[in-house]
Amino acid sequence: MGHRFISMILLLTLALTFSISISACTLVITPPPPPALNPNAVIFTAAQTKANIDVLGGNIEDTWTPNAADVAKLEAALPAYLQATPNERFRSDPPIWERVPNTMRQYLGIVENGNEIIYANFFCAVNDKD
C-alpha cells in the first residue's frame, strides 16, 4: 500500500507539472500599449497623404504612415528643438514651446531623397473650428 500511495503522488505531481508546462507554452505575452497620441493630433495614412500631396509641394517621392511611437519621438524632441532654434518668432510671449501642447497637429509621412520624414503641421484652433 505504501508503494501504491507514493506512485499515486508521483503520478499526480507529474500530471500537475505537465499541465503547468503545457499552459506555459500557450502563455501569450502582451506588448505594452503604444504611446498615447496627443488628443489634438491626427496621423494621416499614406493614402490620405498621397491624396493631399499637391498641398505639400517639394520633391516628394512617396508617402508612408507614421505610427504613434514615431510621432511620440517627434513630440518628445520638439520643445528642445524649438528652444534651440534662433527664430525670434518662436520667442514671443509666451514662447512657442509653451504653446505647442494646445495646438492642433497633423502628421504626414513623406519620402524625400529616399528618407522617410514626418511632416508635422501645427496650427491654432480658430473659432473652435479646425
Protein backbone atom coordinates (compact mmCIF):
# COMPACT_ATOMS: atom_id res chain seq x y z
CA MET A 1 0.00 0.00 0.00
CA GLY A 2 2.90 2.39 0.68
CA HIS A 3 4.31 1.91 -2.83
CA ARG A 4 0.94 2.42 -4.36
CA PHE A 5 0.40 5.67 -2.42
CA ILE A 6 3.86 7.00 -3.38
CA SER A 7 3.25 6.03 -7.03
CA MET A 8 -0.05 7.86 -7.00
CA ILE A 9 1.56 11.01 -5.50
CA LEU A 10 4.34 10.86 -8.12
CA LEU A 11 1.79 10.41 -10.87
CA LEU A 12 -0.26 13.40 -9.65
CA THR A 13 2.90 15.52 -9.34
CA LEU A 14 3.94 14.54 -12.85
CA ALA A 15 0.48 15.35 -14.22
CA LEU A 16 0.46 18.73 -12.45
CA THR A 17 3.97 19.54 -13.74
CA PHE A 18 2.94 18.56 -17.27
CA SER A 19 -0.20 20.70 -17.00
CA ILE A 20 1.80 23.72 -15.82
CA SER A 21 4.38 23.32 -18.59
CA ILE A 22 1.65 22.97 -21.24
CA SER A 23 -0.02 26.17 -20.02
CA ALA A 24 3.35 27.98 -20.11
CA CYS A 25 3.65 27.03 -23.79
CA THR A 26 0.38 28.78 -24.55
CA LEU A 27 1.25 31.85 -22.49
CA VAL A 28 0.59 34.99 -24.51
CA ILE A 29 2.79 37.96 -23.72
CA THR A 30 1.03 41.20 -24.49
CA PRO A 31 3.35 44.02 -25.59
CA PRO A 32 2.95 47.40 -23.88
CA PRO A 33 0.43 49.71 -25.50
CA PRO A 34 1.77 52.27 -27.96
CA PRO A 35 2.36 55.76 -26.61
CA ALA A 36 -0.80 57.82 -26.35
CA LEU A 37 -1.21 60.32 -29.14
CA ASN A 38 -1.91 63.93 -28.21
CA PRO A 39 -5.72 64.36 -28.33
CA ASN A 40 -5.25 67.35 -30.67
CA ALA A 41 -3.32 65.23 -33.17
CA VAL A 42 -4.16 63.13 -36.19
CA ILE A 43 -1.88 60.86 -38.19
CA PHE A 44 -2.63 60.78 -41.91
CA THR A 45 -2.39 57.41 -43.64
CA ALA A 46 -0.12 57.06 -46.67
CA ALA A 47 -3.24 57.16 -48.90
CA GLN A 48 -4.56 60.35 -47.25
CA THR A 49 -1.15 61.99 -47.62
CA LYS A 50 -0.92 60.95 -51.25
CA ALA A 51 -4.37 62.46 -51.90
CA ASN A 52 -3.18 65.81 -50.47
CA ILE A 53 0.38 65.75 -51.78
CA ASP A 54 -0.11 68.78 -54.04
CA VAL A 55 -0.58 70.97 -50.94
CA LEU A 56 2.85 69.99 -49.62
CA GLY A 57 4.85 70.80 -52.74
CA GLY A 58 8.52 69.88 -52.74
CA ASN A 59 10.24 66.79 -54.06
CA ILE A 60 8.03 64.09 -52.55
CA GLU A 61 8.81 60.65 -53.95
CA ASP A 62 6.38 58.57 -51.91
CA THR A 63 4.23 58.52 -48.77
CA TRP A 64 4.06 56.31 -45.69
CA THR A 65 2.04 56.14 -42.47
CA PRO A 66 3.87 57.14 -39.27
CA ASN A 67 2.87 55.21 -36.16
CA ALA A 68 2.18 56.58 -32.66
CA ALA A 69 5.71 55.70 -31.49
CA ASP A 70 7.23 57.69 -34.39
CA VAL A 71 5.09 60.70 -33.52
CA ALA A 72 5.82 60.36 -29.77
CA LYS A 73 9.57 60.60 -30.53
CA LEU A 74 8.99 63.72 -32.62
CA GLU A 75 6.84 65.33 -29.93
CA ALA A 76 9.35 64.50 -27.19
CA ALA A 77 12.15 66.24 -29.11
CA LEU A 78 10.05 69.22 -30.21
CA PRO A 79 10.34 71.55 -27.15
CA ALA A 80 14.16 71.31 -27.08
CA TYR A 81 14.30 71.91 -30.85
CA LEU A 82 12.06 74.97 -30.61
CA GLN A 83 14.09 76.40 -27.71
CA ALA A 84 17.37 75.92 -29.60
CA THR A 85 16.27 77.45 -32.91
CA PRO A 86 17.34 81.08 -33.43
CA ASN A 87 13.99 82.15 -34.97
CA GLU A 88 12.77 85.14 -32.92
CA ARG A 89 9.11 84.47 -33.85
CA PHE A 90 9.31 81.42 -31.58
CA ARG A 91 10.23 83.59 -28.59
CA SER A 92 7.09 85.76 -28.39
CA ASP A 93 5.20 85.84 -25.13
CA PRO A 94 4.52 83.06 -24.25
CA PRO A 95 7.25 81.22 -26.17
CA ILE A 96 6.08 78.77 -28.82
CA TRP A 97 7.32 75.67 -26.94
CA GLU A 98 4.86 76.55 -24.16
CA ARG A 99 2.00 76.91 -26.66
CA VAL A 100 2.64 73.65 -28.53
CA PRO A 101 0.56 71.44 -26.19
CA ASN A 102 -2.56 73.45 -27.11
CA THR A 103 -2.07 73.40 -30.87
CA MET A 104 -3.85 71.17 -33.31
CA ARG A 105 -1.45 68.95 -35.25
CA GLN A 106 -1.35 66.77 -38.33
CA TYR A 107 1.38 64.23 -39.05
CA LEU A 108 2.06 63.00 -42.58
CA GLY A 109 4.71 60.53 -43.70
CA ILE A 110 6.60 61.59 -46.82
CA VAL A 111 9.70 60.29 -48.60
CA GLU A 112 12.22 62.80 -49.94
CA ASN A 113 15.63 61.82 -51.33
CA GLY A 114 14.99 58.28 -50.11
CA ASN A 115 14.45 59.42 -46.48
CA GLU A 116 11.23 58.86 -44.54
CA ILE A 117 10.24 62.18 -42.99
CA ILE A 118 7.36 63.07 -40.72
CA TYR A 119 5.83 66.29 -41.96
CA ALA A 120 4.21 67.99 -38.95
CA ASN A 121 1.60 70.70 -39.40
CA PHE A 122 0.80 72.66 -36.21
CA PHE A 123 -1.96 75.25 -36.10
CA CYS A 124 -4.24 77.03 -33.65
CA ALA A 125 -7.92 76.21 -33.40
CA VAL A 126 -9.77 79.29 -34.64
CA ASN A 127 -13.35 79.92 -33.51
CA ASP A 128 -13.48 76.33 -32.21
CA LYS A 129 -13.04 75.04 -35.79
CA ASP A 130 -10.11 73.09 -37.11
